[in-house]
């Protein structure tokens, strides 16, 4: 039997490996990769939220201040914004969160002053990123372990240190600093996004972003690989792990409030930490980038390599997308059949459009809102143009 601590640590390790591969090594449609030698116009500067730490207790797991990176837009993009929630799994027990607090996914103490990236949805090349190449870009650092949802006043002692579960406070501090000091208050267009756990954060917080931005701002969501199914494998226990996150981090006030209101009567507000249960309540138009056979989910949620089982999983995910998300006509999706998790920006083509092109067309009012590759698993050809 795999212990809760071991399972949690394995999940975080896998997410770290996925993100390392995406950020540093993947030329094949990676979401982003950090550059050792910055190119002109690709550098992001860090903004540590020291004041928010003092004023509202907005801190990472280890008590260090939250932080984000910002790169200004240029030309016609100076009033337009791409805001990205970093991903990296969750911590699903106190021992898991303790271990995470010693890493960059739980502490800001080792964050570099600058980062540089020029790939995927951060690319400044209009052939790669046709809609957002010249927009302001924001990279929200993820250091709470709960998809930016926690709001727990209590400080939790564990193994000689104090742990803090305040991801939503950190997100609030990021918003306020962007509005007051970076020009987000003058925005005309905002795309809210994120990969993996950051993709889930987009589902959970998109309406909150819309409510806190200028009324005239056009706001759209583009989560990448964030539609995690509510499922309990006997070994990896994703369902119960996320319920632990919701309860321990006091996330009820930090997720979609229409979802919370709807589920209070039935006593299952925990459902609002899952994308599939939150989707029916999202009002702001959203266009997920999602694999129906998501490779992280088949390994760590479904916990299976059986072809028939994975195909059944994909059918379930597709059905939930149709019934819970696309039932609202303002939403769309790019649903591919490639076995991957995050990335592949520009590499997968459906109906003659890759992810970047499909999102641009949908954003600008195109008639197609459901890009569906709809191929059985496995489909290696689905991962290439």
Foldseek 3Di string as FASTA:
>chain_A
DQDLQRLLVVLLVVLVVQVCCLADPDPQFRQKHWDPDADPQFKWFKDFLVVLCVPPVQPFFQSGTWMKTKGAFDDPARQAEEEEEEDGAAGQDPSSSVVLCVDQLGHDPPPDRMTGIAAHCQHLDCVQQVPDNRHMYMYGRHRQRQLLQFDDPDWDDDPHGTTARHSVSNVVSVVVCCVPPVPNQSHQEYEYEYFASRLLSCLFCQVVVCVPHDVNHQYEYEYFQNQADQAQDVHSGPNSSLLSSCVVRVRLVRGDVVLQVVCVVVPPSSCRSHNLSSQQVDDREYEYEHELLAQSCVCRGVNDDDQVSSQVSSVVSVVSCVPRHVVDVSYAYAYFHAHYGHGSRVFADFPRDGPSRVVVCSSVPHPHRYRHHPDGPPDNVRSGD
